[in-house]
Amino acid sequence: MAAKGTLKTCKKGHQFYKNSDCPTCPICEEEHKPKDSFLALIGAPARRALERENIKTLEDLAKWSEKEIVNLHGMGPSTIPKLKKALSEYGLYFKS
């Protein structure tokens, strides 16, 4: 049986187990996860990377080049195709 990890408590008082030093609370992450925007399509690290850059809408995303987005910490290999698809569904594209 795998170890649960270390019991941690977040700022909001949620208790959770982690095997790493990552301070992210999975309960807070689930509460924060958008339900109805393109940000709901991608993983939490990629979503946080976009949020750090104040990218909240597809219009905001279209102001960035694909290379700029790929270089953000937290972007995984499966994220860019999802972002391209979301952009194209609204007739938008990454900046050239």
Protein backbone atom coordinates (compact mmCIF):
# COMPACT_ATOMS: atom_id res chain seq x y z
CA MET A 1 0.00 0.00 0.00
CA ALA A 2 1.38 3.42 -0.97
CA ALA A 3 1.99 5.99 1.73
CA LYS A 4 -0.63 8.74 1.95
CA GLY A 5 2.00 11.42 2.33
CA THR A 6 2.17 14.20 4.87
CA LEU A 7 -1.01 15.62 6.35
CA LYS A 8 -1.19 19.32 5.50
CA THR A 9 -3.70 22.08 6.19
CA CYS A 10 -4.31 24.94 3.75
CA LYS A 11 -5.12 28.58 4.62
CA LYS A 12 -8.84 27.80 4.40
CA GLY A 13 -8.51 24.94 6.89
CA HIS A 14 -8.84 22.01 4.45
CA GLN A 15 -6.78 19.00 5.44
CA PHE A 16 -5.15 16.88 2.73
CA TYR A 17 -2.25 14.50 2.20
CA LYS A 18 0.67 15.36 -0.08
CA ASN A 19 3.77 13.39 -1.06
CA SER A 20 5.57 16.51 -2.27
CA ASP A 21 6.36 20.02 -1.07
CA CYS A 22 3.71 21.42 -3.42
CA PRO A 23 1.53 23.72 -1.29
CA THR A 24 -1.52 23.47 -3.56
CA CYS A 25 -4.61 22.24 -1.75
CA PRO A 26 -6.59 19.82 -3.95
CA ILE A 27 -9.85 20.83 -2.29
CA CYS A 28 -9.27 24.54 -3.00
CA GLU A 29 -8.20 23.66 -6.56
CA GLU A 30 -11.45 21.81 -7.19
CA GLU A 31 -13.47 24.71 -5.76
CA HIS A 32 -11.52 27.18 -7.93
CA LYS A 33 -11.78 25.17 -11.15
CA PRO A 34 -13.92 27.00 -13.73
CA LYS A 35 -16.99 25.11 -14.88
CA ASP A 36 -17.89 26.85 -18.11
CA SER A 37 -14.88 28.49 -19.76
CA PHE A 38 -12.02 27.25 -21.91
CA LEU A 39 -9.95 27.13 -18.70
CA ALA A 40 -12.04 24.13 -17.61
CA LEU A 41 -10.57 22.15 -20.52
CA ILE A 42 -6.98 22.24 -19.27
CA GLY A 43 -5.12 20.96 -16.25
CA ALA A 44 -4.62 23.00 -13.09
CA PRO A 45 -0.91 23.85 -13.66
CA ALA A 46 -1.66 25.22 -17.13
CA ARG A 47 -4.74 27.07 -15.86
CA ARG A 48 -2.71 28.68 -13.08
CA ALA A 49 -0.03 29.69 -15.61
CA LEU A 50 -2.63 31.51 -17.72
CA GLU A 51 -4.24 33.07 -14.65
CA ARG A 52 -0.82 34.37 -13.50
CA GLU A 53 -0.62 36.23 -16.82
CA ASN A 54 -4.20 37.54 -16.41
CA ILE A 55 -5.43 35.46 -19.37
CA LYS A 56 -9.09 34.96 -18.55
CA THR A 57 -10.78 34.85 -21.95
CA LEU A 58 -10.07 33.47 -25.41
CA GLU A 59 -9.66 37.07 -26.59
CA ASP A 60 -6.91 37.51 -23.98
CA LEU A 61 -5.29 34.27 -25.14
CA ALA A 62 -5.35 35.36 -28.80
CA LYS A 63 -3.07 38.30 -27.89
CA TRP A 64 -0.27 35.82 -27.17
CA SER A 65 1.81 33.74 -29.57
CA GLU A 66 1.87 29.97 -29.27
CA LYS A 67 5.57 30.15 -28.39
CA GLU A 68 4.88 32.58 -25.54
CA ILE A 69 2.20 30.29 -24.11
CA VAL A 70 4.35 27.14 -24.45
CA ASN A 71 7.10 28.87 -22.48
CA LEU A 72 4.88 29.56 -19.47
CA HIS A 73 5.69 27.37 -16.48
CA GLY A 74 2.93 24.77 -16.13
CA MET A 75 2.11 24.23 -19.80
CA GLY A 76 2.09 20.54 -20.65
CA PRO A 77 2.24 18.89 -24.08
CA SER A 78 -1.50 18.24 -24.23
CA THR A 79 -2.48 21.83 -23.44
CA ILE A 80 -1.65 23.63 -26.70
CA PRO A 81 -3.91 21.46 -28.92
CA LYS A 82 -6.80 22.06 -26.50
CA LEU A 83 -6.17 25.80 -26.54
CA LYS A 84 -5.90 25.88 -30.35
CA LYS A 85 -9.20 24.02 -30.66
CA ALA A 86 -10.95 26.37 -28.22
CA LEU A 87 -9.60 29.40 -30.09
CA SER A 88 -10.57 28.05 -33.53
CA GLU A 89 -14.14 27.32 -32.40
CA TYR A 90 -14.53 31.09 -31.97
CA GLY A 91 -12.58 32.06 -35.09
CA LEU A 92 -9.57 33.10 -33.07
CA TYR A 93 -5.92 32.10 -33.32
CA PHE A 94 -2.66 32.63 -31.50
CA LYS A 95 -0.85 35.85 -32.39
CA SER A 96 1.62 35.37 -35.27
